[in-house]
Every structure is written in structure tokens, then in C-alpha cells.
Amino acid sequence: MFRTIIRWIRIADSEDEFPLGKITVRYAAGRKLCLAKTQEGLFAIEEKCPHNGFSLAMGWCTEDGKAIVCPLHRYVFEFSTGRARSGTGAARVFPVEVRGDGVFLGVEEHEWGLGF
């Protein structure tokens, strides 16, 4: 049997390390991620555009602060869902938790075992 668990990885000491409305790049669990602090919280999205693999880290936040713009073709991906605002496709998003002892990124892992 397999089960999916969330492994939480500490990526920052405080959410103050993330300026409001700006993209910050972090590496965690072998992945390059774009993090953005918005009025609605802190979000993490994969760094590669799912449309053409271009770096979203070179992009910017939308005026409403709810999405990231790919600088190559101007595709816009929602931070909360990863979905493109137009067209098809979605960027992978990761859960983020701000705790008293830091900022943590959730990464799905699969475990195999008997009798879960």
C-alpha cells in the first residue's frame, strides 16, 4: 500500500524575508520555487512555466497581487491554484505555513508500507 504524506521543510526564519508583491526564489527538496507574499498570505509555485519551461522567477506579480506573470509569453498563473488565467495548463503550487519558528514549505511524498 502507498500513502501520501506532507513533509514540511523550513525555508526561512520569518515571513519578513519575503517583500510584499515581489518574487523570491528558494530551493527546497531539490526544487527551485518562486515565493510571493501577497495581501492573502505567502504562496509557493514551481519556478518553471508549464507552457514553455521559461523561468517564472524572471516574471512579476500581477497588479492585484494574486498571480505571477511569465515574462516570455505573458501567461498568468494564480498563486492559490497554479491555474492559468487564459489558455490551459497549470503550474504546480506548494502549501506554505508561517509558524512561530519559521516559514515551512509542504512537499508531498509517497510512502510504502503494510497496515497503514
PDB file of N, CA and C in Angstrom:
ATOM      1  N   MET A   1       0.828  -1.190   0.000  1.00  0.00           N
ATOM      2  CA  MET A   1       0.000   0.000   0.000  1.00  0.00           C
ATOM      3  C   MET A   1       0.870   1.249   0.000  1.00  0.00           C
ATOM      4  N   PHE A   2       0.383   2.249  -0.661  1.00  0.00           N
ATOM      5  CA  PHE A   2       1.051   3.539  -0.663  1.00  0.00           C
ATOM      6  C   PHE A   2       0.172   4.563   0.036  1.00  0.00           C
ATOM      7  N   ARG A   3       0.814   5.524   0.639  1.00  0.00           N
ATOM      8  CA  ARG A   3       0.083   6.657   1.182  1.00  0.00           C
ATOM      9  C   ARG A   3       0.900   7.920   0.918  1.00  0.00           C
ATOM     10  N   THR A   4       0.195   9.021   0.806  1.00  0.00           N
ATOM     11  CA  THR A   4       0.836  10.299   0.558  1.00  0.00           C
ATOM     12  C   THR A   4       0.910  11.066   1.871  1.00  0.00           C
ATOM     13  N   ILE A   5       2.088  11.603   2.154  1.00  0.00           N
ATOM     14  CA  ILE A   5       2.275  12.429   3.342  1.00  0.00           C
ATOM     15  C   ILE A   5       2.846  13.780   2.906  1.00  0.00           C
ATOM     16  N   ILE A   6       2.735  14.761   3.766  1.00  0.00           N
ATOM     17  CA  ILE A   6       3.341  16.065   3.526  1.00  0.00           C
ATOM     18  C   ILE A   6       4.552  16.181   4.443  1.00  0.00           C
ATOM     19  N   ARG A   7       5.721  16.422   3.822  1.00  0.00           N
ATOM     20  CA  ARG A   7       6.932  16.678   4.610  1.00  0.00           C
ATOM     21  C   ARG A   7       7.124  18.187   4.618  1.00  0.00           C
ATOM     22  N   TRP A   8       7.285  18.764   5.816  1.00  0.00           N
ATOM     23  CA  TRP A   8       7.434  20.208   5.957  1.00  0.00           C
ATOM     24  C   TRP A   8       8.912  20.562   6.065  1.00  0.00           C
ATOM     25  N   ILE A   9       9.350  21.461   5.192  1.00  0.00           N
ATOM     26  CA  ILE A   9      10.747  21.878   5.114  1.00  0.00           C
ATOM     27  C   ILE A   9      10.825  23.357   5.487  1.00  0.00           C
ATOM     28  N   ARG A  10      11.686  23.673   6.422  1.00  0.00           N
ATOM     29  CA  ARG A  10      11.874  25.068   6.838  1.00  0.00           C
ATOM     30  C   ARG A  10      12.644  25.806   5.743  1.00  0.00           C
ATOM     31  N   ILE A  11      12.067  26.916   5.229  1.00  0.00           N
ATOM     32  CA  ILE A  11      12.701  27.647   4.135  1.00  0.00           C
ATOM     33  C   ILE A  11      13.102  29.075   4.506  1.00  0.00           C
ATOM     34  N   ALA A  12      12.679  29.542   5.676  1.00  0.00           N
ATOM     35  CA  ALA A  12      13.031  30.906   6.096  1.00  0.00           C
ATOM     36  C   ALA A  12      12.819  31.038   7.598  1.00  0.00           C
ATOM     37  N   ASP A  13      13.499  32.021   8.170  1.00  0.00           N
ATOM     38  CA  ASP A  13      13.337  32.307   9.595  1.00  0.00           C
ATOM     39  C   ASP A  13      12.024  33.014   9.877  1.00  0.00           C
ATOM     40  N   SER A  14      11.598  33.862   8.931  1.00  0.00           N
ATOM     41  CA  SER A  14      10.421  34.692   9.141  1.00  0.00           C
ATOM     42  C   SER A  14       9.820  35.083   7.793  1.00  0.00           C
ATOM     43  N   GLU A  15       8.542  35.395   7.780  1.00  0.00           N
ATOM     44  CA  GLU A  15       7.925  35.859   6.539  1.00  0.00           C
ATOM     45  C   GLU A  15       8.391  37.267   6.172  1.00  0.00           C
ATOM     46  N   ASP A  16       9.093  37.929   7.078  1.00  0.00           N
ATOM     47  CA  ASP A  16       9.659  39.246   6.774  1.00  0.00           C
ATOM     48  C   ASP A  16      10.733  39.168   5.689  1.00  0.00           C
ATOM     49  N   GLU A  17      11.241  37.963   5.405  1.00  0.00           N
ATOM     50  CA  GLU A  17      12.236  37.771   4.352  1.00  0.00           C
ATOM     51  C   GLU A  17      11.627  37.874   2.954  1.00  0.00           C
ATOM     52  N   PHE A  18      10.303  37.962   2.889  1.00  0.00           N
ATOM     53  CA  PHE A  18       9.600  37.998   1.613  1.00  0.00           C
ATOM     54  C   PHE A  18       8.889  39.346   1.462  1.00  0.00           C
ATOM     55  N   PRO A  19       9.399  40.222   0.582  1.00  0.00           N
ATOM     56  CA  PRO A  19       8.752  41.527   0.402  1.00  0.00           C
ATOM     57  C   PRO A  19       7.383  41.397  -0.265  1.00  0.00           C
ATOM     58  N   LEU A  20       6.462  42.200   0.169  1.00  0.00           N
ATOM     59  CA  LEU A  20       5.104  42.197  -0.360  1.00  0.00           C
ATOM     60  C   LEU A  20       5.115  42.503  -1.862  1.00  0.00           C
ATOM     61  N   GLY A  21       4.458  41.639  -2.643  1.00  0.00           N
ATOM     62  CA  GLY A  21       4.295  41.859  -4.074  1.00  0.00           C
ATOM     63  C   GLY A  21       5.521  41.574  -4.925  1.00  0.00           C
ATOM     64  N   LYS A  22       6.529  40.924  -4.356  1.00  0.00           N
ATOM     65  CA  LYS A  22       7.755  40.611  -5.094  1.00  0.00           C
ATOM     66  C   LYS A  22       7.981  39.097  -5.116  1.00  0.00           C
ATOM     67  N   ILE A  23       8.702  38.640  -6.138  1.00  0.00           N
ATOM     68  CA  ILE A  23       9.034  37.224  -6.271  1.00  0.00           C
ATOM     69  C   ILE A  23      10.371  36.960  -5.574  1.00  0.00           C
ATOM     70  N   THR A  24      10.403  35.922  -4.755  1.00  0.00           N
ATOM     71  CA  THR A  24      11.630  35.485  -4.094  1.00  0.00           C
ATOM     72  C   THR A  24      11.873  34.032  -4.476  1.00  0.00           C
ATOM     73  N   VAL A  25      13.090  33.702  -4.849  1.00  0.00           N
ATOM     74  CA  VAL A  25      13.430  32.333  -5.245  1.00  0.00           C
ATOM     75  C   VAL A  25      14.039  31.597  -4.056  1.00  0.00           C
ATOM     76  N   ARG A  26      13.581  30.370  -3.848  1.00  0.00           N
ATOM     77  CA  ARG A  26      14.145  29.492  -2.828  1.00  0.00           C
ATOM     78  C   ARG A  26      14.286  28.098  -3.410  1.00  0.00           C
ATOM     79  N   TYR A  27      15.239  27.354  -2.866  1.00  0.00           N
ATOM     80  CA  TYR A  27      15.444  25.957  -3.239  1.00  0.00           C
ATOM     81  C   TYR A  27      15.016  25.104  -2.065  1.00  0.00           C
ATOM     82  N   ALA A  28      14.229  24.071  -2.341  1.00  0.00           N
ATOM     83  CA  ALA A  28      13.794  23.152  -1.286  1.00  0.00           C
ATOM     84  C   ALA A  28      13.470  21.804  -1.910  1.00  0.00           C
ATOM     85  N   ALA A  29      13.896  20.749  -1.270  1.00  0.00           N
ATOM     86  CA  ALA A  29      13.612  19.382  -1.712  1.00  0.00           C
ATOM     87  C   ALA A  29      14.002  19.167  -3.176  1.00  0.00           C
ATOM     88  N   GLY A  30      15.123  19.748  -3.581  1.00  0.00           N
ATOM     89  CA  GLY A  30      15.604  19.577  -4.945  1.00  0.00           C
ATOM     90  C   GLY A  30      14.829  20.352  -5.987  1.00  0.00           C
ATOM     91  N   ARG A  31      14.028  21.317  -5.542  1.00  0.00           N
ATOM     92  CA  ARG A  31      13.212  22.105  -6.470  1.00  0.00           C
ATOM     93  C   ARG A  31      13.554  23.585  -6.347  1.00  0.00           C
ATOM     94  N   LYS A  32      13.427  24.288  -7.458  1.00  0.00           N
ATOM     95  CA  LYS A  32      13.562  25.740  -7.462  1.00  0.00           C
ATOM     96  C   LYS A  32      12.147  26.303  -7.465  1.00  0.00           C
ATOM     97  N   LEU A  33      11.846  27.168  -6.517  1.00  0.00           N
ATOM     98  CA  LEU A  33      10.492  27.664  -6.326  1.00  0.00           C
ATOM     99  C   LEU A  33      10.448  29.181  -6.326  1.00  0.00           C
ATOM    100  N   CYS A  34       9.313  29.718  -6.736  1.00  0.00           N
ATOM    101  CA  CYS A  34       9.030  31.140  -6.614  1.00  0.00           C
ATOM    102  C   CYS A  34       8.069  31.313  -5.451  1.00  0.00           C
ATOM    103  N   LEU A  35       8.441  32.191  -4.523  1.00  0.00           N
ATOM    104  CA  LEU A  35       7.554  32.507  -3.417  1.00  0.00           C
ATOM    105  C   LEU A  35       7.141  33.965  -3.526  1.00  0.00           C
ATOM    106  N   ALA A  36       5.910  34.241  -3.150  1.00  0.00           N
ATOM    107  CA  ALA A  36       5.406  35.606  -3.200  1.00  0.00           C
ATOM    108  C   ALA A  36       4.522  35.856  -1.986  1.00  0.00           C
ATOM    109  N   LYS A  37       4.768  36.989  -1.356  1.00  0.00           N
ATOM    110  CA  LYS A  37       3.939  37.424  -0.239  1.00  0.00           C
ATOM    111  C   LYS A  37       2.889  38.367  -0.806  1.00  0.00           C
ATOM    112  N   THR A  38       1.625  38.050  -0.569  1.00  0.00           N
ATOM    113  CA  THR A  38       0.519  38.857  -1.058  1.00  0.00           C
ATOM    114  C   THR A  38      -0.319  39.309   0.133  1.00  0.00           C
ATOM    115  N   GLN A  39      -1.343  40.085  -0.138  1.00  0.00           N
ATOM    116  CA  GLN A  39      -2.275  40.506   0.917  1.00  0.00           C
ATOM    117  C   GLN A  39      -2.992  39.293   1.521  1.00  0.00           C
ATOM    118  N   GLU A  40      -3.049  38.190   0.772  1.00  0.00           N
ATOM    119  CA  GLU A  40      -3.756  36.991   1.218  1.00  0.00           C
ATOM    120  C   GLU A  40      -2.833  35.959   1.858  1.00  0.00           C
ATOM    121  N   GLY A  41      -1.530  36.241   1.911  1.00  0.00           N
ATOM    122  CA  GLY A  41      -0.604  35.303   2.534  1.00  0.00           C
ATOM    123  C   GLY A  41       0.625  35.054   1.682  1.00  0.00           C
ATOM    124  N   LEU A  42       1.335  34.005   2.040  1.00  0.00           N
ATOM    125  CA  LEU A  42       2.567  33.625   1.360  1.00  0.00           C
ATOM    126  C   LEU A  42       2.287  32.399   0.500  1.00  0.00           C
ATOM    127  N   PHE A  43       2.727  32.445  -0.763  1.00  0.00           N
ATOM    128  CA  PHE A  43       2.456  31.366  -1.708  1.00  0.00           C
ATOM    129  C   PHE A  43       3.743  30.878  -2.346  1.00  0.00           C
ATOM    130  N   ALA A  44       3.756  29.581  -2.716  1.00  0.00           N
ATOM    131  CA  ALA A  44       4.898  28.984  -3.424  1.00  0.00           C
ATOM    132  C   ALA A  44       4.387  28.304  -4.686  1.00  0.00           C
ATOM    133  N   ILE A  45       5.102  28.528  -5.783  1.00  0.00           N
ATOM    134  CA  ILE A  45       4.742  27.971  -7.080  1.00  0.00           C
ATOM    135  C   ILE A  45       6.025  27.507  -7.767  1.00  0.00           C
ATOM    136  N   GLU A  46       5.923  26.461  -8.582  1.00  0.00           N
ATOM    137  CA  GLU A  46       7.127  25.977  -9.256  1.00  0.00           C
ATOM    138  C   GLU A  46       7.745  27.087 -10.093  1.00  0.00           C
ATOM    139  N   GLU A  47       9.058  27.035 -10.253  1.00  0.00           N
ATOM    140  CA  GLU A  47       9.788  28.118 -10.908  1.00  0.00           C
ATOM    141  C   GLU A  47       9.707  28.066 -12.426  1.00  0.00           C
ATOM    142  N   LYS A  48       9.466  26.922 -13.001  1.00  0.00           N
ATOM    143  CA  LYS A  48       9.394  26.782 -14.459  1.00  0.00           C
ATOM    144  C   LYS A  48       7.963  26.948 -14.955  1.00  0.00           C
ATOM    145  N   CYS A  49       7.803  27.764 -15.989  1.00  0.00           N
ATOM    146  CA  CYS A  49       6.498  27.941 -16.612  1.00  0.00           C
ATOM    147  C   CYS A  49       6.077  26.615 -17.247  1.00  0.00           C
ATOM    148  N   PRO A  50       4.867  26.128 -16.976  1.00  0.00           N
ATOM    149  CA  PRO A  50       4.433  24.866 -17.568  1.00  0.00           C
ATOM    150  C   PRO A  50       4.182  24.967 -19.071  1.00  0.00           C
ATOM    151  N   HIS A  51       4.063  26.168 -19.577  1.00  0.00           N
ATOM    152  CA  HIS A  51       3.811  26.356 -21.002  1.00  0.00           C
ATOM    153  C   HIS A  51       5.059  26.091 -21.835  1.00  0.00           C
ATOM    154  N   ASN A  52       6.201  26.690 -21.429  1.00  0.00           N
ATOM    155  CA  ASN A  52       7.397  26.550 -22.251  1.00  0.00           C
ATOM    156  C   ASN A  52       8.673  26.379 -21.428  1.00  0.00           C
ATOM    157  N   GLY A  53       8.539  26.171 -20.127  1.00  0.00           N
ATOM    158  CA  GLY A  53       9.703  25.924 -19.285  1.00  0.00           C
ATOM    159  C   GLY A  53      10.540  27.145 -18.960  1.00  0.00           C
ATOM    160  N   PHE A  54      10.068  28.344 -19.307  1.00  0.00           N
ATOM    161  CA  PHE A  54      10.828  29.553 -19.033  1.00  0.00           C
ATOM    162  C   PHE A  54      10.776  29.862 -17.534  1.00  0.00           C
ATOM    163  N   SER A  55      11.724  30.623 -17.043  1.00  0.00           N
ATOM    164  CA  SER A  55      11.827  30.934 -15.614  1.00  0.00           C
ATOM    165  C   SER A  55      10.758  31.935 -15.172  1.00  0.00           C
ATOM    166  N   LEU A  56       9.879  31.492 -14.290  1.00  0.00           N
ATOM    167  CA  LEU A  56       8.895  32.409 -13.709  1.00  0.00           C
ATOM    168  C   LEU A  56       9.565  33.381 -12.741  1.00  0.00           C
ATOM    169  N   ALA A  57      10.752  33.034 -12.250  1.00  0.00           N
ATOM    170  CA  ALA A  57      11.476  33.904 -11.324  1.00  0.00           C
ATOM    171  C   ALA A  57      11.843  35.230 -11.985  1.00  0.00           C
ATOM    172  N   MET A  58      11.892  35.248 -13.294  1.00  0.00           N
ATOM    173  CA  MET A  58      12.191  36.478 -14.024  1.00  0.00           C
ATOM    174  C   MET A  58      10.914  37.280 -14.285  1.00  0.00           C
ATOM    175  N   GLY A  59       9.782  36.743 -13.851  1.00  0.00           N
ATOM    176  CA  GLY A  59       8.497  37.403 -14.041  1.00  0.00           C
ATOM    177  C   GLY A  59       8.171  38.364 -12.912  1.00  0.00           C
ATOM    178  N   TRP A  60       6.895  38.676 -12.761  1.00  0.00           N
ATOM    179  CA  TRP A  60       6.455  39.627 -11.747  1.00  0.00           C
ATOM    180  C   TRP A  60       5.056  39.281 -11.287  1.00  0.00           C
ATOM    181  N   CYS A  61       4.655  39.900 -10.185  1.00  0.00           N
ATOM    182  CA  CYS A  61       3.303  39.714  -9.655  1.00  0.00           C
ATOM    183  C   CYS A  61       2.335  40.623 -10.413  1.00  0.00           C
ATOM    184  N   THR A  62       1.116  40.157 -10.568  1.00  0.00           N
ATOM    185  CA  THR A  62       0.086  40.975 -11.201  1.00  0.00           C
ATOM    186  C   THR A  62      -0.275  42.144 -10.284  1.00  0.00           C
ATOM    187  N   GLU A  63      -0.948  43.142 -10.832  1.00  0.00           N
ATOM    188  CA  GLU A  63      -1.334  44.312 -10.039  1.00  0.00           C
ATOM    189  C   GLU A  63      -2.216  43.942  -8.856  1.00  0.00           C
ATOM    190  N   ASP A  64      -3.086  42.946  -9.031  1.00  0.00           N
ATOM    191  CA  ASP A  64      -3.943  42.539  -7.922  1.00  0.00           C
ATOM    192  C   ASP A  64      -3.191  41.667  -6.911  1.00  0.00           C
ATOM    193  N   GLY A  65      -1.940  41.286  -7.237  1.00  0.00           N
ATOM    194  CA  GLY A  65      -1.106  40.522  -6.314  1.00  0.00           C
ATOM    195  C   GLY A  65      -1.479  39.066  -6.172  1.00  0.00           C
ATOM    196  N   LYS A  66      -2.371  38.563  -7.017  1.00  0.00           N
ATOM    197  CA  LYS A  66      -2.867  37.202  -6.863  1.00  0.00           C
ATOM    198  C   LYS A  66      -2.250  36.196  -7.823  1.00  0.00           C
ATOM    199  N   ALA A  67      -1.334  36.655  -8.687  1.00  0.00           N
ATOM    200  CA  ALA A  67      -0.801  35.760  -9.707  1.00  0.00           C
ATOM    201  C   ALA A  67       0.603  36.207 -10.124  1.00  0.00           C
ATOM    202  N   ILE A  68       1.275  35.308 -10.843  1.00  0.00           N
ATOM    203  CA  ILE A  68       2.608  35.571 -11.376  1.00  0.00           C
ATOM    204  C   ILE A  68       2.524  35.573 -12.901  1.00  0.00           C
ATOM    205  N   VAL A  69       3.294  36.465 -13.525  1.00  0.00           N
ATOM    206  CA  VAL A  69       3.304  36.600 -14.982  1.00  0.00           C
ATOM    207  C   VAL A  69       4.607  36.029 -15.518  1.00  0.00           C
ATOM    208  N   CYS A  70       4.494  35.121 -16.481  1.00  0.00           N
ATOM    209  CA  CYS A  70       5.673  34.592 -17.160  1.00  0.00           C
ATOM    210  C   CYS A  70       6.186  35.679 -18.107  1.00  0.00           C
ATOM    211  N   PRO A  71       7.476  36.015 -18.031  1.00  0.00           N
ATOM    212  CA  PRO A  71       7.990  37.094 -18.866  1.00  0.00           C
ATOM    213  C   PRO A  71       8.121  36.739 -20.351  1.00  0.00           C
ATOM    214  N   LEU A  72       8.063  35.458 -20.689  1.00  0.00           N
ATOM    215  CA  LEU A  72       8.238  35.069 -22.084  1.00  0.00           C
ATOM    216  C   LEU A  72       6.984  35.309 -22.918  1.00  0.00           C
ATOM    217  N   HIS A  73       5.879  34.709 -22.528  1.00  0.00           N
ATOM    218  CA  HIS A  73       4.641  34.829 -23.307  1.00  0.00           C
ATOM    219  C   HIS A  73       3.518  35.539 -22.563  1.00  0.00           C
ATOM    220  N   ARG A  74       3.830  36.050 -21.383  1.00  0.00           N
ATOM    221  CA  ARG A  74       2.870  36.790 -20.546  1.00  0.00           C
ATOM    222  C   ARG A  74       1.720  35.919 -20.045  1.00  0.00           C
ATOM    223  N   TYR A  75       1.944  34.625 -19.941  1.00  0.00           N
ATOM    224  CA  TYR A  75       0.932  33.771 -19.319  1.00  0.00           C
ATOM    225  C   TYR A  75       0.871  34.123 -17.834  1.00  0.00           C
ATOM    226  N   VAL A  76      -0.320  34.082 -17.280  1.00  0.00           N
ATOM    227  CA  VAL A  76      -0.540  34.459 -15.890  1.00  0.00           C
ATOM    228  C   VAL A  76      -1.038  33.237 -15.119  1.00  0.00           C
ATOM    229  N   PHE A  77      -0.376  32.928 -14.002  1.00  0.00           N
ATOM    230  CA  PHE A  77      -0.728  31.759 -13.191  1.00  0.00           C
ATOM    231  C   PHE A  77      -1.105  32.204 -11.783  1.00  0.00           C
ATOM    232  N   GLU A  78      -2.268  31.739 -11.333  1.00  0.00           N
ATOM    233  CA  GLU A  78      -2.762  32.074 -10.000  1.00  0.00           C
ATOM    234  C   GLU A  78      -1.870  31.438  -8.925  1.00  0.00           C
ATOM    235  N   PHE A  79      -1.508  32.216  -7.902  1.00  0.00           N
ATOM    236  CA  PHE A  79      -0.706  31.678  -6.809  1.00  0.00           C
ATOM    237  C   PHE A  79      -1.462  30.604  -6.024  1.00  0.00           C
ATOM    238  N   SER A  80      -2.747  30.786  -5.831  1.00  0.00           N
ATOM    239  CA  SER A  80      -3.510  29.871  -4.981  1.00  0.00           C
ATOM    240  C   SER A  80      -3.765  28.503  -5.616  1.00  0.00           C
ATOM    241  N   THR A  81      -3.916  28.462  -6.944  1.00  0.00           N
ATOM    242  CA  THR A  81      -4.253  27.204  -7.612  1.00  0.00           C
ATOM    243  C   THR A  81      -3.225  26.760  -8.646  1.00  0.00           C
ATOM    244  N   GLY A  82      -2.421  27.687  -9.138  1.00  0.00           N
ATOM    245  CA  GLY A  82      -1.475  27.396 -10.213  1.00  0.00           C
ATOM    246  C   GLY A  82      -2.088  27.472 -11.594  1.00  0.00           C
ATOM    247  N   ARG A  83      -3.402  27.625 -11.680  1.00  0.00           N
ATOM    248  CA  ARG A  83      -4.089  27.637 -12.977  1.00  0.00           C
ATOM    249  C   ARG A  83      -3.788  28.894 -13.776  1.00  0.00           C
ATOM    250  N   ALA A  84      -3.717  28.715 -15.089  1.00  0.00           N
ATOM    251  CA  ALA A  84      -3.527  29.842 -15.990  1.00  0.00           C
ATOM    252  C   ALA A  84      -4.826  30.633 -16.090  1.00  0.00           C
ATOM    253  N   ARG A  85      -4.719  31.936 -16.123  1.00  0.00           N
ATOM    254  CA  ARG A  85      -5.918  32.776 -16.262  1.00  0.00           C
ATOM    255  C   ARG A  85      -6.507  32.688 -17.659  1.00  0.00           C
ATOM    256  N   SER A  86      -5.671  32.426 -18.649  1.00  0.00           N
ATOM    257  CA  SER A  86      -6.158  32.224 -20.008  1.00  0.00           C
ATOM    258  C   SER A  86      -5.432  31.019 -20.579  1.00  0.00           C
ATOM    259  N   GLY A  87      -6.034  30.356 -21.509  1.00  0.00           N
ATOM    260  CA  GLY A  87      -5.413  29.161 -22.059  1.00  0.00           C
ATOM    261  C   GLY A  87      -5.551  27.989 -21.111  1.00  0.00           C
ATOM    262  N   THR A  88      -4.707  27.023 -21.307  1.00  0.00           N
ATOM    263  CA  THR A  88      -4.768  25.822 -20.474  1.00  0.00           C
ATOM    264  C   THR A  88      -3.451  25.657 -19.736  1.00  0.00           C
ATOM    265  N   GLY A  89      -3.451  24.735 -18.829  1.00  0.00           N
ATOM    266  CA  GLY A  89      -2.232  24.432 -18.093  1.00  0.00           C
ATOM    267  C   GLY A  89      -2.258  25.004 -16.694  1.00  0.00           C
ATOM    268  N   ALA A  90      -1.354  24.485 -15.892  1.00  0.00           N
ATOM    269  CA  ALA A  90      -1.237  24.944 -14.513  1.00  0.00           C
ATOM    270  C   ALA A  90       0.180  24.699 -14.021  1.00  0.00           C
ATOM    271  N   ALA A  91       0.656  25.610 -13.221  1.00  0.00           N
ATOM    272  CA  ALA A  91       1.937  25.456 -12.547  1.00  0.00           C
ATOM    273  C   ALA A  91       1.676  24.757 -11.216  1.00  0.00           C
ATOM    274  N   ARG A  92       2.610  23.974 -10.771  1.00  0.00           N
ATOM    275  CA  ARG A  92       2.447  23.268  -9.505  1.00  0.00           C
ATOM    276  C   ARG A  92       2.614  24.242  -8.341  1.00  0.00           C
ATOM    277  N   VAL A  93       1.700  24.176  -7.406  1.00  0.00           N
ATOM    278  CA  VAL A  93       1.772  25.004  -6.205  1.00  0.00           C
ATOM    279  C   VAL A  93       2.085  24.120  -4.997  1.00  0.00           C
ATOM    280  N   PHE A  94       2.642  24.738  -3.974  1.00  0.00           N
ATOM    281  CA  PHE A  94       3.042  24.032  -2.761  1.00  0.00           C
ATOM    282  C   PHE A  94       2.468  24.764  -1.558  1.00  0.00           C
ATOM    283  N   PRO A  95       2.005  24.031  -0.545  1.00  0.00           N
ATOM    284  CA  PRO A  95       1.489  24.704   0.653  1.00  0.00           C
ATOM    285  C   PRO A  95       2.622  25.367   1.431  1.00  0.00           C
ATOM    286  N   VAL A  96       2.302  26.503   2.035  1.00  0.00           N
ATOM    287  CA  VAL A  96       3.257  27.239   2.854  1.00  0.00           C
ATOM    288  C   VAL A  96       2.595  27.521   4.201  1.00  0.00           C
ATOM    289  N   GLU A  97       3.348  27.320   5.272  1.00  0.00           N
ATOM    290  CA  GLU A  97       2.860  27.646   6.611  1.00  0.00           C
ATOM    291  C   GLU A  97       3.853  28.576   7.290  1.00  0.00           C
ATOM    292  N   VAL A  98       3.313  29.655   7.859  1.00  0.00           N
ATOM    293  CA  VAL A  98       4.125  30.555   8.665  1.00  0.00           C
ATOM    294  C   VAL A  98       3.871  30.173  10.116  1.00  0.00           C
ATOM    295  N   ARG A  99       4.945  29.789  10.795  1.00  0.00           N
ATOM    296  CA  ARG A  99       4.853  29.353  12.193  1.00  0.00           C
ATOM    297  C   ARG A  99       5.746  30.239  13.055  1.00  0.00           C
ATOM    298  N   GLY A 100       5.649  30.067  14.342  1.00  0.00           N
ATOM    299  CA  GLY A 100       6.476  30.830  15.266  1.00  0.00           C
ATOM    300  C   GLY A 100       7.961  30.590  15.094  1.00  0.00           C
ATOM    301  N   ASP A 101       8.325  29.415  14.595  1.00  0.00           N
ATOM    302  CA  ASP A 101       9.747  29.083  14.442  1.00  0.00           C
ATOM    303  C   ASP A 101      10.220  29.143  12.985  1.00  0.00           C
ATOM    304  N   GLY A 102       9.444  29.782  12.102  1.00  0.00           N
ATOM    305  CA  GLY A 102       9.892  29.947  10.722  1.00  0.00           C
ATOM    306  C   GLY A 102       8.793  29.765   9.698  1.00  0.00           C
ATOM    307  N   VAL A 103       9.222  29.748   8.442  1.00  0.00           N
ATOM    308  CA  VAL A 103       8.324  29.543   7.299  1.00  0.00           C
ATOM    309  C   VAL A 103       8.627  28.161   6.738  1.00  0.00           C
ATOM    310  N   PHE A 104       7.569  27.372   6.518  1.00  0.00           N
ATOM    311  CA  PHE A 104       7.728  25.988   6.091  1.00  0.00           C
ATOM    312  C   PHE A 104       6.978  25.734   4.785  1.00  0.00           C
ATOM    313  N   LEU A 105       7.618  24.924   3.938  1.00  0.00           N
ATOM    314  CA  LEU A 105       7.060  24.525   2.656  1.00  0.00           C
ATOM    315  C   LEU A 105       6.654  23.062   2.744  1.00  0.00           C
ATOM    316  N   GLY A 106       5.450  22.739   2.286  1.00  0.00           N
ATOM    317  CA  GLY A 106       4.965  21.368   2.284  1.00  0.00           C
ATOM    318  C   GLY A 106       5.254  20.676   0.968  1.00  0.00           C
ATOM    319  N   VAL A 107       5.893  19.507   1.037  1.00  0.00           N
ATOM    320  CA  VAL A 107       6.225  18.729  -0.154  1.00  0.00           C
ATOM    321  C   VAL A 107       5.599  17.343  -0.007  1.00  0.00           C
ATOM    322  N   GLU A 108       4.819  16.930  -1.014  1.00  0.00           N
ATOM    323  CA  GLU A 108       4.198  15.601  -0.985  1.00  0.00           C
ATOM    324  C   GLU A 108       5.237  14.514  -1.190  1.00  0.00           C
ATOM    325  N   GLU A 109       5.137  13.473  -0.384  1.00  0.00           N
ATOM    326  CA  GLU A 109       5.974  12.293  -0.543  1.00  0.00           C
ATOM    327  C   GLU A 109       5.081  11.071  -0.440  1.00  0.00           C
ATOM    328  N   HIS A 110       5.525  10.002  -1.059  1.00  0.00           N
ATOM    329  CA  HIS A 110       4.753   8.756  -1.037  1.00  0.00           C
ATOM    330  C   HIS A 110       5.526   7.713  -0.241  1.00  0.00           C
ATOM    331  N   GLU A 111       4.823   7.082   0.672  1.00  0.00           N
ATOM    332  CA  GLU A 111       5.411   6.035   1.493  1.00  0.00           C
ATOM    333  C   GLU A 111       4.776   4.704   1.130  1.00  0.00           C
ATOM    334  N   TRP A 112       5.555   3.677   1.240  1.00  0.00           N
ATOM    335  CA  TRP A 112       5.039   2.343   1.031  1.00  0.00           C
ATOM    336  C   TRP A 112       5.146   1.584   2.347  1.00  0.00           C
ATOM    337  N   GLY A 113       4.107   0.847   2.660  1.00  0.00           N
ATOM    338  CA  GLY A 113       4.116   0.061   3.889  1.00  0.00           C
ATOM    339  C   GLY A 113       2.917  -0.847   3.969  1.00  0.00           C
ATOM    340  N   LEU A 114       2.938  -1.710   4.926  1.00  0.00           N
ATOM    341  CA  LEU A 114       1.824  -2.622   5.169  1.00  0.00           C
ATOM    342  C   LEU A 114       1.081  -2.167   6.415  1.00  0.00           C
ATOM    343  N   GLY A 115      -0.202  -2.207   6.351  1.00  0.00           N
ATOM    344  CA  GLY A 115      -1.021  -1.942   7.522  1.00  0.00           C
ATOM    345  C   GLY A 115      -1.122  -0.485   7.946  1.00  0.00           C
ATOM    346  N   PHE A 116      -1.122   0.429   7.010  1.00  0.00           N
ATOM    347  CA  PHE A 116      -1.287   1.848   7.382  1.00  0.00           C
ATOM    348  C   PHE A 116      -2.616   2.055   8.023  1.00  0.00           C
TER     349      PHE A 116
END
